[in-house]
Amino acid sequence: MLRYLPFLLVLALWIYAFIDCLNTPEEEVRKLPKTAWVIIILLFGEVLLGPVAWLAVGRPRAAGRTARRGGAGSGGGGGGGWVAPDDNPEFLRSLDKDRRPRGEGEDRG
């Protein structure tokens, strides 16, 4: 069983790099066109040159990825990304409205 482990690790990295390349948007791919990266990964996958080159050079950097997609590094707001409830001012205002007793905030007269 152990003699198959190197082959399975190479195969897993090959498949991961191929799927990652296919799922990456064209405008985020670095250095070469996306189709060139797919060909490189497929041709040089057995010797790990293609997948390692994709992961080291062609793949977008993680910090740039999250900033463009409205993630944690985007500064909040207009990215349309998910925001935790305790960081969402609209949610906190709705809680404040729910806890306020009836009649408070209304003019009595």
PDB file of N, CA and C in Angstrom:
ATOM      1  N   MET A   1       0.825  -1.208   0.000  1.00  0.00           N
ATOM      2  CA  MET A   1       0.000   0.000   0.000  1.00  0.00           C
ATOM      3  C   MET A   1       0.859   1.258   0.000  1.00  0.00           C
ATOM      4  N   LEU A   2       1.955   1.253   0.752  1.00  0.00           N
ATOM      5  CA  LEU A   2       2.804   2.418   0.853  1.00  0.00           C
ATOM      6  C   LEU A   2       3.508   2.741  -0.465  1.00  0.00           C
ATOM      7  N   ARG A   3       3.704   1.743  -1.308  1.00  0.00           N
ATOM      8  CA  ARG A   3       4.387   2.009  -2.573  1.00  0.00           C
ATOM      9  C   ARG A   3       3.506   2.812  -3.532  1.00  0.00           C
ATOM     10  N   TYR A   4       2.201   2.854  -3.301  1.00  0.00           N
ATOM     11  CA  TYR A   4       1.291   3.637  -4.138  1.00  0.00           C
ATOM     12  C   TYR A   4       1.144   5.078  -3.657  1.00  0.00           C
ATOM     13  N   LEU A   5       1.614   5.368  -2.465  1.00  0.00           N
ATOM     14  CA  LEU A   5       1.441   6.692  -1.879  1.00  0.00           C
ATOM     15  C   LEU A   5       2.052   7.816  -2.723  1.00  0.00           C
ATOM     16  N   PRO A   6       3.280   7.709  -3.208  1.00  0.00           N
ATOM     17  CA  PRO A   6       3.817   8.800  -4.050  1.00  0.00           C
ATOM     18  C   PRO A   6       2.977   9.037  -5.304  1.00  0.00           C
ATOM     19  N   PHE A   7       2.543   7.967  -5.940  1.00  0.00           N
ATOM     20  CA  PHE A   7       1.710   8.105  -7.120  1.00  0.00           C
ATOM     21  C   PHE A   7       0.394   8.804  -6.789  1.00  0.00           C
ATOM     22  N   LEU A   8      -0.223   8.440  -5.668  1.00  0.00           N
ATOM     23  CA  LEU A   8      -1.487   9.057  -5.280  1.00  0.00           C
ATOM     24  C   LEU A   8      -1.316  10.530  -4.908  1.00  0.00           C
ATOM     25  N   LEU A   9      -0.193  10.883  -4.279  1.00  0.00           N
ATOM     26  CA  LEU A   9       0.063  12.281  -3.938  1.00  0.00           C
ATOM     27  C   LEU A   9       0.272  13.130  -5.199  1.00  0.00           C
ATOM     28  N   VAL A  10       1.013  12.599  -6.152  1.00  0.00           N
ATOM     29  CA  VAL A  10       1.213  13.314  -7.417  1.00  0.00           C
ATOM     30  C   VAL A  10      -0.119  13.483  -8.140  1.00  0.00           C
ATOM     31  N   LEU A  11      -0.907  12.433  -8.177  1.00  0.00           N
ATOM     32  CA  LEU A  11      -2.218  12.488  -8.826  1.00  0.00           C
ATOM     33  C   LEU A  11      -3.134  13.500  -8.136  1.00  0.00           C
ATOM     34  N   ALA A  12      -3.123  13.530  -6.814  1.00  0.00           N
ATOM     35  CA  ALA A  12      -3.964  14.466  -6.065  1.00  0.00           C
ATOM     36  C   ALA A  12      -3.550  15.911  -6.349  1.00  0.00           C
ATOM     37  N   LEU A  13      -2.263  16.186  -6.374  1.00  0.00           N
ATOM     38  CA  LEU A  13      -1.793  17.541  -6.666  1.00  0.00           C
ATOM     39  C   LEU A  13      -2.119  17.934  -8.093  1.00  0.00           C
ATOM     40  N   TRP A  14      -1.996  17.004  -9.006  1.00  0.00           N
ATOM     41  CA  TRP A  14      -2.310  17.236 -10.407  1.00  0.00           C
ATOM     42  C   TRP A  14      -3.793  17.606 -10.558  1.00  0.00           C
ATOM     43  N   ILE A  15      -4.662  16.826  -9.949  1.00  0.00           N
ATOM     44  CA  ILE A  15      -6.100  17.088 -10.037  1.00  0.00           C
ATOM     45  C   ILE A  15      -6.448  18.408  -9.356  1.00  0.00           C
ATOM     46  N   TYR A  16      -5.862  18.670  -8.185  1.00  0.00           N
ATOM     47  CA  TYR A  16      -6.145  19.912  -7.472  1.00  0.00           C
ATOM     48  C   TYR A  16      -5.755  21.131  -8.311  1.00  0.00           C
ATOM     49  N   ALA A  17      -4.546  21.107  -8.887  1.00  0.00           N
ATOM     50  CA  ALA A  17      -4.087  22.241  -9.690  1.00  0.00           C
ATOM     51  C   ALA A  17      -4.959  22.428 -10.930  1.00  0.00           C
ATOM     52  N   PHE A  18      -5.359  21.343 -11.553  1.00  0.00           N
ATOM     53  CA  PHE A  18      -6.204  21.416 -12.744  1.00  0.00           C
ATOM     54  C   PHE A  18      -7.563  22.024 -12.422  1.00  0.00           C
ATOM     55  N   ILE A  19      -8.200  21.554 -11.374  1.00  0.00           N
ATOM     56  CA  ILE A  19      -9.520  22.074 -10.997  1.00  0.00           C
ATOM     57  C   ILE A  19      -9.414  23.522 -10.514  1.00  0.00           C
ATOM     58  N   ASP A  20      -8.362  23.827  -9.763  1.00  0.00           N
ATOM     59  CA  ASP A  20      -8.164  25.196  -9.290  1.00  0.00           C
ATOM     60  C   ASP A  20      -7.973  26.148 -10.469  1.00  0.00           C
ATOM     61  N   CYS A  21      -7.225  25.728 -11.462  1.00  0.00           N
ATOM     62  CA  CYS A  21      -7.008  26.557 -12.650  1.00  0.00           C
ATOM     63  C   CYS A  21      -8.324  26.763 -13.407  1.00  0.00           C
ATOM     64  N   LEU A  22      -9.112  25.719 -13.541  1.00  0.00           N
ATOM     65  CA  LEU A  22     -10.386  25.849 -14.252  1.00  0.00           C
ATOM     66  C   LEU A  22     -11.368  26.758 -13.513  1.00  0.00           C
ATOM     67  N   ASN A  23     -11.335  26.743 -12.183  1.00  0.00           N
ATOM     68  CA  ASN A  23     -12.268  27.545 -11.394  1.00  0.00           C
ATOM     69  C   ASN A  23     -11.817  28.993 -11.192  1.00  0.00           C
ATOM     70  N   THR A  24     -10.588  29.314 -11.523  1.00  0.00           N
ATOM     71  CA  THR A  24     -10.080  30.674 -11.362  1.00  0.00           C
ATOM     72  C   THR A  24     -10.567  31.532 -12.524  1.00  0.00           C
ATOM     73  N   PRO A  25     -11.144  32.703 -12.239  1.00  0.00           N
ATOM     74  CA  PRO A  25     -11.580  33.593 -13.327  1.00  0.00           C
ATOM     75  C   PRO A  25     -10.398  34.033 -14.197  1.00  0.00           C
ATOM     76  N   GLU A  26     -10.647  34.201 -15.483  1.00  0.00           N
ATOM     77  CA  GLU A  26      -9.598  34.538 -16.464  1.00  0.00           C
ATOM     78  C   GLU A  26      -8.817  35.784 -16.076  1.00  0.00           C
ATOM     79  N   GLU A  27      -9.497  36.801 -15.542  1.00  0.00           N
ATOM     80  CA  GLU A  27      -8.815  38.056 -15.232  1.00  0.00           C
ATOM     81  C   GLU A  27      -7.919  37.966 -13.997  1.00  0.00           C
ATOM     82  N   GLU A  28      -8.040  36.908 -13.201  1.00  0.00           N
ATOM     83  CA  GLU A  28      -7.211  36.751 -12.013  1.00  0.00           C
ATOM     84  C   GLU A  28      -5.976  35.882 -12.249  1.00  0.00           C
ATOM     85  N   VAL A  29      -5.906  35.211 -13.382  1.00  0.00           N
ATOM     86  CA  VAL A  29      -4.764  34.341 -13.693  1.00  0.00           C
ATOM     87  C   VAL A  29      -3.558  35.218 -14.015  1.00  0.00           C
ATOM     88  N   ARG A  30      -2.398  34.847 -13.446  1.00  0.00           N
ATOM     89  CA  ARG A  30      -1.181  35.651 -13.637  1.00  0.00           C
ATOM     90  C   ARG A  30      -0.273  35.045 -14.694  1.00  0.00           C
ATOM     91  N   LYS A  31       0.512  35.892 -15.337  1.00  0.00           N
ATOM     92  CA  LYS A  31       1.633  35.580 -16.239  1.00  0.00           C
ATOM     93  C   LYS A  31       1.245  35.017 -17.613  1.00  0.00           C
ATOM     94  N   LEU A  32       0.349  34.064 -17.691  1.00  0.00           N
ATOM     95  CA  LEU A  32      -0.026  33.445 -18.965  1.00  0.00           C
ATOM     96  C   LEU A  32      -1.552  33.370 -19.067  1.00  0.00           C
ATOM     97  N   PRO A  33      -2.068  33.194 -20.280  1.00  0.00           N
ATOM     98  CA  PRO A  33      -3.523  32.974 -20.414  1.00  0.00           C
ATOM     99  C   PRO A  33      -3.950  31.672 -19.727  1.00  0.00           C
ATOM    100  N   LYS A  34      -5.202  31.622 -19.354  1.00  0.00           N
ATOM    101  CA  LYS A  34      -5.726  30.467 -18.626  1.00  0.00           C
ATOM    102  C   LYS A  34      -5.577  29.173 -19.429  1.00  0.00           C
ATOM    103  N   THR A  35      -5.838  29.230 -20.733  1.00  0.00           N
ATOM    104  CA  THR A  35      -5.724  28.008 -21.551  1.00  0.00           C
ATOM    105  C   THR A  35      -4.285  27.499 -21.580  1.00  0.00           C
ATOM    106  N   ALA A  36      -3.317  28.407 -21.577  1.00  0.00           N
ATOM    107  CA  ALA A  36      -1.912  27.987 -21.540  1.00  0.00           C
ATOM    108  C   ALA A  36      -1.609  27.274 -20.224  1.00  0.00           C
ATOM    109  N   TRP A  37      -2.153  27.785 -19.117  1.00  0.00           N
ATOM    110  CA  TRP A  37      -1.925  27.127 -17.827  1.00  0.00           C
ATOM    111  C   TRP A  37      -2.554  25.738 -17.793  1.00  0.00           C
ATOM    112  N   VAL A  38      -3.739  25.601 -18.363  1.00  0.00           N
ATOM    113  CA  VAL A  38      -4.390  24.286 -18.394  1.00  0.00           C
ATOM    114  C   VAL A  38      -3.526  23.290 -19.175  1.00  0.00           C
ATOM    115  N   ILE A  39      -3.004  23.729 -20.306  1.00  0.00           N
ATOM    116  CA  ILE A  39      -2.156  22.846 -21.120  1.00  0.00           C
ATOM    117  C   ILE A  39      -0.876  22.487 -20.365  1.00  0.00           C
ATOM    118  N   ILE A  40      -0.259  23.470 -19.721  1.00  0.00           N
ATOM    119  CA  ILE A  40       0.970  23.205 -18.958  1.00  0.00           C
ATOM    120  C   ILE A  40       0.702  22.209 -17.834  1.00  0.00           C
ATOM    121  N   ILE A  41      -0.403  22.388 -17.126  1.00  0.00           N
ATOM    122  CA  ILE A  41      -0.730  21.474 -16.022  1.00  0.00           C
ATOM    123  C   ILE A  41      -0.957  20.061 -16.545  1.00  0.00           C
ATOM    124  N   LEU A  42      -1.664  19.945 -17.665  1.00  0.00           N
ATOM    125  CA  LEU A  42      -1.940  18.613 -18.209  1.00  0.00           C
ATOM    126  C   LEU A  42      -0.683  17.947 -18.774  1.00  0.00           C
ATOM    127  N   LEU A  43       0.159  18.703 -19.476  1.00  0.00           N
ATOM    128  CA  LEU A  43       1.347  18.110 -20.102  1.00  0.00           C
ATOM    129  C   LEU A  43       2.436  17.759 -19.097  1.00  0.00           C
ATOM    130  N   PHE A  44       2.645  18.620 -18.104  1.00  0.00           N
ATOM    131  CA  PHE A  44       3.748  18.423 -17.176  1.00  0.00           C
ATOM    132  C   PHE A  44       3.280  18.003 -15.783  1.00  0.00           C
ATOM    133  N   GLY A  45       2.114  17.430 -15.700  1.00  0.00           N
ATOM    134  CA  GLY A  45       1.568  17.025 -14.409  1.00  0.00           C
ATOM    135  C   GLY A  45       2.244  15.816 -13.807  1.00  0.00           C
ATOM    136  N   GLU A  46       2.703  14.905 -14.639  1.00  0.00           N
ATOM    137  CA  GLU A  46       3.313  13.672 -14.132  1.00  0.00           C
ATOM    138  C   GLU A  46       4.627  13.932 -13.406  1.00  0.00           C
ATOM    139  N   VAL A  47       5.339  14.972 -13.828  1.00  0.00           N
ATOM    140  CA  VAL A  47       6.610  15.281 -13.192  1.00  0.00           C
ATOM    141  C   VAL A  47       6.470  16.440 -12.200  1.00  0.00           C
ATOM    142  N   LEU A  48       5.252  16.813 -11.895  1.00  0.00           N
ATOM    143  CA  LEU A  48       4.911  17.872 -10.941  1.00  0.00           C
ATOM    144  C   LEU A  48       5.337  19.267 -11.366  1.00  0.00           C
ATOM    145  N   LEU A  49       5.920  19.428 -12.553  1.00  0.00           N
ATOM    146  CA  LEU A  49       6.357  20.744 -12.989  1.00  0.00           C
ATOM    147  C   LEU A  49       5.162  21.661 -13.262  1.00  0.00           C
ATOM    148  N   GLY A  50       4.142  21.162 -13.946  1.00  0.00           N
ATOM    149  CA  GLY A  50       2.972  21.972 -14.269  1.00  0.00           C
ATOM    150  C   GLY A  50       2.189  22.414 -13.045  1.00  0.00           C
ATOM    151  N   PRO A  51       1.774  21.481 -12.167  1.00  0.00           N
ATOM    152  CA  PRO A  51       1.018  21.892 -10.980  1.00  0.00           C
ATOM    153  C   PRO A  51       1.796  22.815 -10.045  1.00  0.00           C
ATOM    154  N   VAL A  52       3.084  22.545  -9.862  1.00  0.00           N
ATOM    155  CA  VAL A  52       3.880  23.399  -8.978  1.00  0.00           C
ATOM    156  C   VAL A  52       4.045  24.785  -9.596  1.00  0.00           C
ATOM    157  N   ALA A  53       4.233  24.866 -10.911  1.00  0.00           N
ATOM    158  CA  ALA A  53       4.327  26.166 -11.581  1.00  0.00           C
ATOM    159  C   ALA A  53       3.025  26.941 -11.439  1.00  0.00           C
ATOM    160  N   TRP A  54       1.890  26.268 -11.573  1.00  0.00           N
ATOM    161  CA  TRP A  54       0.599  26.929 -11.413  1.00  0.00           C
ATOM    162  C   TRP A  54       0.447  27.480  -9.996  1.00  0.00           C
ATOM    163  N   LEU A  55       0.767  26.663  -9.001  1.00  0.00           N
ATOM    164  CA  LEU A  55       0.596  27.096  -7.618  1.00  0.00           C
ATOM    165  C   LEU A  55       1.571  28.222  -7.255  1.00  0.00           C
ATOM    166  N   ALA A  56       2.762  28.212  -7.826  1.00  0.00           N
ATOM    167  CA  ALA A  56       3.762  29.215  -7.465  1.00  0.00           C
ATOM    168  C   ALA A  56       3.636  30.504  -8.278  1.00  0.00           C
ATOM    169  N   VAL A  57       3.298  30.395  -9.561  1.00  0.00           N
ATOM    170  CA  VAL A  57       3.359  31.564 -10.438  1.00  0.00           C
ATOM    171  C   VAL A  57       1.993  31.993 -10.974  1.00  0.00           C
ATOM    172  N   GLY A  58       1.193  31.062 -11.435  1.00  0.00           N
ATOM    173  CA  GLY A  58      -0.031  31.416 -12.146  1.00  0.00           C
ATOM    174  C   GLY A  58      -1.234  31.710 -11.281  1.00  0.00           C
ATOM    175  N   ARG A  59      -1.270  31.114 -10.127  1.00  0.00           N
ATOM    176  CA  ARG A  59      -2.424  31.256  -9.238  1.00  0.00           C
ATOM    177  C   ARG A  59      -2.464  32.661  -8.634  1.00  0.00           C
ATOM    178  N   PRO A  60      -3.667  33.255  -8.503  1.00  0.00           N
ATOM    179  CA  PRO A  60      -3.751  34.576  -7.875  1.00  0.00           C
ATOM    180  C   PRO A  60      -3.361  34.521  -6.405  1.00  0.00           C
ATOM    181  N   ARG A  61      -2.808  35.602  -5.914  1.00  0.00           N
ATOM    182  CA  ARG A  61      -2.420  35.663  -4.509  1.00  0.00           C
ATOM    183  C   ARG A  61      -3.657  35.708  -3.643  1.00  0.00           C
ATOM    184  N   ALA A  62      -3.591  35.100  -2.463  1.00  0.00           N
ATOM    185  CA  ALA A  62      -4.752  34.989  -1.573  1.00  0.00           C
ATOM    186  C   ALA A  62      -5.252  36.352  -1.118  1.00  0.00           C
ATOM    187  N   ALA A  63      -4.368  37.290  -0.791  1.00  0.00           N
ATOM    188  CA  ALA A  63      -4.802  38.605  -0.307  1.00  0.00           C
ATOM    189  C   ALA A  63      -5.558  39.352  -1.396  1.00  0.00           C
ATOM    190  N   GLY A  64      -5.100  39.275  -2.622  1.00  0.00           N
ATOM    191  CA  GLY A  64      -5.779  39.951  -3.719  1.00  0.00           C
ATOM    192  C   GLY A  64      -7.119  39.322  -4.031  1.00  0.00           C
ATOM    193  N   ARG A  65      -7.199  38.022  -3.875  1.00  0.00           N
ATOM    194  CA  ARG A  65      -8.451  37.314  -4.121  1.00  0.00           C
ATOM    195  C   ARG A  65      -9.560  37.775  -3.199  1.00  0.00           C
ATOM    196  N   THR A  66      -9.285  37.823  -1.894  1.00  0.00           N
ATOM    197  CA  THR A  66     -10.325  38.195  -0.945  1.00  0.00           C
ATOM    198  C   THR A  66     -10.700  39.656  -1.082  1.00  0.00           C
ATOM    199  N   ALA A  67      -9.743  40.514  -1.403  1.00  0.00           N
ATOM    200  CA  ALA A  67     -10.041  41.937  -1.529  1.00  0.00           C
ATOM    201  C   ALA A  67     -10.946  42.192  -2.725  1.00  0.00           C
ATOM    202  N   ARG A  68     -10.740  41.475  -3.815  1.00  0.00           N
ATOM    203  CA  ARG A  68     -11.567  41.697  -4.992  1.00  0.00           C
ATOM    204  C   ARG A  68     -12.958  41.106  -4.855  1.00  0.00           C
ATOM    205  N   ARG A  69     -13.097  40.093  -4.056  1.00  0.00           N
ATOM    206  CA  ARG A  69     -14.392  39.433  -3.926  1.00  0.00           C
ATOM    207  C   ARG A  69     -15.221  39.957  -2.763  1.00  0.00           C
ATOM    208  N   GLY A  70     -14.757  41.002  -2.097  1.00  0.00           N
ATOM    209  CA  GLY A  70     -15.529  41.571  -1.007  1.00  0.00           C
ATOM    210  C   GLY A  70     -15.374  40.805   0.282  1.00  0.00           C
ATOM    211  N   GLY A  71     -14.246  40.153   0.470  1.00  0.00           N
ATOM    212  CA  GLY A  71     -14.031  39.366   1.677  1.00  0.00           C
ATOM    213  C   GLY A  71     -13.495  40.199   2.814  1.00  0.00           C
ATOM    214  N   ALA A  72     -12.723  39.561   3.674  1.00  0.00           N
ATOM    215  CA  ALA A  72     -12.262  40.197   4.900  1.00  0.00           C
ATOM    216  C   ALA A  72     -11.371  41.398   4.637  1.00  0.00           C
ATOM    217  N   GLY A  73     -10.593  41.409   3.570  1.00  0.00           N
ATOM    218  CA  GLY A  73      -9.670  42.491   3.331  1.00  0.00           C
ATOM    219  C   GLY A  73     -10.246  43.643   2.533  1.00  0.00           C
ATOM    220  N   SER A  74     -11.530  43.666   2.264  1.00  0.00           N
ATOM    221  CA  SER A  74     -12.098  44.659   1.375  1.00  0.00           C
ATOM    222  C   SER A  74     -12.476  45.949   2.071  1.00  0.00           C
ATOM    223  N   GLY A  75     -12.347  46.039   3.365  1.00  0.00           N
ATOM    224  CA  GLY A  75     -12.712  47.258   4.052  1.00  0.00           C
ATOM    225  C   GLY A  75     -14.191  47.316   4.384  1.00  0.00           C
ATOM    226  N   GLY A  76     -14.897  46.245   4.177  1.00  0.00           N
ATOM    227  CA  GLY A  76     -16.322  46.196   4.515  1.00  0.00           C
ATOM    228  C   GLY A  76     -17.164  46.935   3.500  1.00  0.00           C
ATOM    229  N   GLY A  77     -18.443  46.938   3.722  1.00  0.00           N
ATOM    230  CA  GLY A  77     -19.332  47.750   2.913  1.00  0.00           C
ATOM    231  C   GLY A  77     -19.709  47.133   1.594  1.00  0.00           C
ATOM    232  N   GLY A  78     -19.524  47.875   0.495  1.00  0.00           N
ATOM    233  CA  GLY A  78     -20.132  47.612  -0.780  1.00  0.00           C
ATOM    234  C   GLY A  78     -19.713  46.372  -1.519  1.00  0.00           C
ATOM    235  N   GLY A  79     -18.937  45.478  -0.942  1.00  0.00           N
ATOM    236  CA  GLY A  79     -18.515  44.293  -1.653  1.00  0.00           C
ATOM    237  C   GLY A  79     -19.627  43.272  -1.836  1.00  0.00           C
ATOM    238  N   GLY A  80     -20.673  43.349  -1.038  1.00  0.00           N
ATOM    239  CA  GLY A  80     -21.757  42.402  -1.135  1.00  0.00           C
ATOM    240  C   GLY A  80     -21.430  41.072  -0.495  1.00  0.00           C
ATOM    241  N   GLY A  81     -20.325  40.991   0.228  1.00  0.00           N
ATOM    242  CA  GLY A  81     -19.948  39.757   0.890  1.00  0.00           C
ATOM    243  C   GLY A  81     -20.713  39.571   2.187  1.00  0.00           C
ATOM    244  N   TRP A  82     -20.566  38.413   2.776  1.00  0.00           N
ATOM    245  CA  TRP A  82     -21.238  38.093   4.016  1.00  0.00           C
ATOM    246  C   TRP A  82     -20.580  38.843   5.159  1.00  0.00           C
ATOM    247  N   VAL A  83     -21.398  39.367   6.072  1.00  0.00           N
ATOM    248  CA  VAL A  83     -20.892  40.081   7.237  1.00  0.00           C
ATOM    249  C   VAL A  83     -21.467  39.416   8.474  1.00  0.00           C
ATOM    250  N   ALA A  84     -20.622  39.209   9.478  1.00  0.00           N
ATOM    251  CA  ALA A  84     -21.079  38.596  10.723  1.00  0.00           C
ATOM    252  C   ALA A  84     -22.133  39.494  11.379  1.00  0.00           C
ATOM    253  N   PRO A  85     -23.130  38.925  12.053  1.00  0.00           N
ATOM    254  CA  PRO A  85     -24.197  39.735  12.643  1.00  0.00           C
ATOM    255  C   PRO A  85     -23.685  40.798  13.606  1.00  0.00           C
ATOM    256  N   ASP A  86     -22.668  40.504  14.384  1.00  0.00           N
ATOM    257  CA  ASP A  86     -22.197  41.501  15.339  1.00  0.00           C
ATOM    258  C   ASP A  86     -21.393  42.616  14.670  1.00  0.00           C
ATOM    259  N   ASP A  87     -21.085  42.480  13.377  1.00  0.00           N
ATOM    260  CA  ASP A  87     -20.412  43.537  12.628  1.00  0.00           C
ATOM    261  C   ASP A  87     -21.367  44.271  11.693  1.00  0.00           C
ATOM    262  N   ASN A  88     -22.606  43.855  11.646  1.00  0.00           N
ATOM    263  CA  ASN A  88     -23.581  44.419  10.738  1.00  0.00           C
ATOM    264  C   ASN A  88     -24.399  45.485  11.456  1.00  0.00           C
ATOM    265  N   PRO A  89     -24.215  46.774  11.128  1.00  0.00           N
ATOM    266  CA  PRO A  89     -24.934  47.826  11.845  1.00  0.00           C
ATOM    267  C   PRO A  89     -26.448  47.745  11.677  1.00  0.00           C
ATOM    268  N   GLU A  90     -26.926  47.303  10.514  1.00  0.00           N
ATOM    269  CA  GLU A  90     -28.375  47.195  10.314  1.00  0.00           C
ATOM    270  C   GLU A  90     -28.975  46.146  11.254  1.00  0.00           C
ATOM    271  N   PHE A  91     -28.296  45.031  11.412  1.00  0.00           N
ATOM    272  CA  PHE A  91     -28.782  43.986  12.308  1.00  0.00           C
ATOM    273  C   PHE A  91     -28.805  44.485  13.748  1.00  0.00           C
ATOM    274  N   LEU A  92     -27.757  45.195  14.152  1.00  0.00           N
ATOM    275  CA  LEU A  92     -27.701  45.711  15.525  1.00  0.00           C
ATOM    276  C   LEU A  92     -28.804  46.734  15.772  1.00  0.00           C
ATOM    277  N   ARG A  93     -29.117  47.579  14.779  1.00  0.00           N
ATOM    278  CA  ARG A  93     -30.237  48.533  14.934  1.00  0.00           C
ATOM    279  C   ARG A  93     -31.558  47.799  15.069  1.00  0.00           C
ATOM    280  N   SER A  94     -31.724  46.703  14.315  1.00  0.00           N
ATOM    281  CA  SER A  94     -32.995  45.964  14.419  1.00  0.00           C
ATOM    282  C   SER A  94     -33.135  45.332  15.804  1.00  0.00           C
ATOM    283  N   LEU A  95     -32.031  44.899  16.400  1.00  0.00           N
ATOM    284  CA  LEU A  95     -32.093  44.375  17.772  1.00  0.00           C
ATOM    285  C   LEU A  95     -32.479  45.461  18.752  1.00  0.00           C
ATOM    286  N   ASP A  96     -31.926  46.658  18.549  1.00  0.00           N
ATOM    287  CA  ASP A  96     -32.236  47.776  19.432  1.00  0.00           C
ATOM    288  C   ASP A  96     -33.720  48.121  19.342  1.00  0.00           C
ATOM    289  N   LYS A  97     -34.284  48.071  18.147  1.00  0.00           N
ATOM    290  CA  LYS A  97     -35.714  48.350  17.972  1.00  0.00           C
ATOM    291  C   LYS A  97     -36.566  47.289  18.671  1.00  0.00           C
ATOM    292  N   ASP A  98     -36.126  46.041  18.601  1.00  0.00           N
ATOM    293  CA  ASP A  98     -36.888  44.960  19.223  1.00  0.00           C
ATOM    294  C   ASP A  98     -36.867  45.046  20.743  1.00  0.00           C
ATOM    295  N   ARG A  99     -35.780  45.531  21.320  1.00  0.00           N
ATOM    296  CA  ARG A  99     -35.661  45.588  22.784  1.00  0.00           C
ATOM    297  C   ARG A  99     -36.306  46.835  23.369  1.00  0.00           C
ATOM    298  N   ARG A 100     -36.518  47.862  22.574  1.00  0.00           N
ATOM    299  CA  ARG A 100     -37.099  49.098  23.077  1.00  0.00           C
ATOM    300  C   ARG A 100     -38.564  48.862  23.450  1.00  0.00           C
ATOM    301  N   PRO A 101     -38.993  49.260  24.647  1.00  0.00           N
ATOM    302  CA  PRO A 101     -40.389  49.072  25.040  1.00  0.00           C
ATOM    303  C   PRO A 101     -41.319  49.908  24.161  1.00  0.00           C
ATOM    304  N   ARG A 102     -42.528  49.412  24.020  1.00  0.00           N
ATOM    305  CA  ARG A 102     -43.499  50.140  23.209  1.00  0.00           C
ATOM    306  C   ARG A 102     -43.786  51.501  23.862  1.00  0.00           C
ATOM    307  N   GLY A 103     -43.911  52.468  23.039  1.00  0.00           N
ATOM    308  CA  GLY A 103     -44.217  53.801  23.538  1.00  0.00           C
ATOM    309  C   GLY A 103     -42.987  54.643  23.744  1.00  0.00           C
ATOM    310  N   GLU A 104     -41.861  54.031  23.962  1.00  0.00           N
ATOM    311  CA  GLU A 104     -40.629  54.798  24.120  1.00  0.00           C
ATOM    312  C   GLU A 104     -40.212  55.305  22.757  1.00  0.00           C
ATOM    313  N   GLY A 105     -39.851  56.545  22.684  1.00  0.00           N
ATOM    314  CA  GLY A 105     -39.470  57.135  21.429  1.00  0.00           C
ATOM    315  C   GLY A 105     -40.644  57.778  20.717  1.00  0.00           C
ATOM    316  N   GLU A 106     -41.856  57.542  21.191  1.00  0.00           N
ATOM    317  CA  GLU A 106     -43.028  58.190  20.610  1.00  0.00           C
ATOM    318  C   GLU A 106     -43.362  59.402  21.462  1.00  0.00           C
ATOM    319  N   ASP A 107     -43.866  60.442  20.837  1.00  0.00           N
ATOM    320  CA  ASP A 107     -44.276  61.635  21.600  1.00  0.00           C
ATOM    321  C   ASP A 107     -45.580  61.359  22.323  1.00  0.00           C
ATOM    322  N   ARG A 108     -45.569  61.654  23.615  1.00  0.00           N
ATOM    323  CA  ARG A 108     -46.807  61.493  24.385  1.00  0.00           C
ATOM    324  C   ARG A 108     -47.383  62.873  24.607  1.00  0.00           C
ATOM    325  N   GLY A 109     -48.542  63.036  24.323  1.00  0.00           N
ATOM    326  CA  GLY A 109     -49.038  64.377  24.547  1.00  0.00           C
ATOM    327  C   GLY A 109     -50.435  64.513  24.491  1.00  0.00           C
TER     328      GLY A 109
END
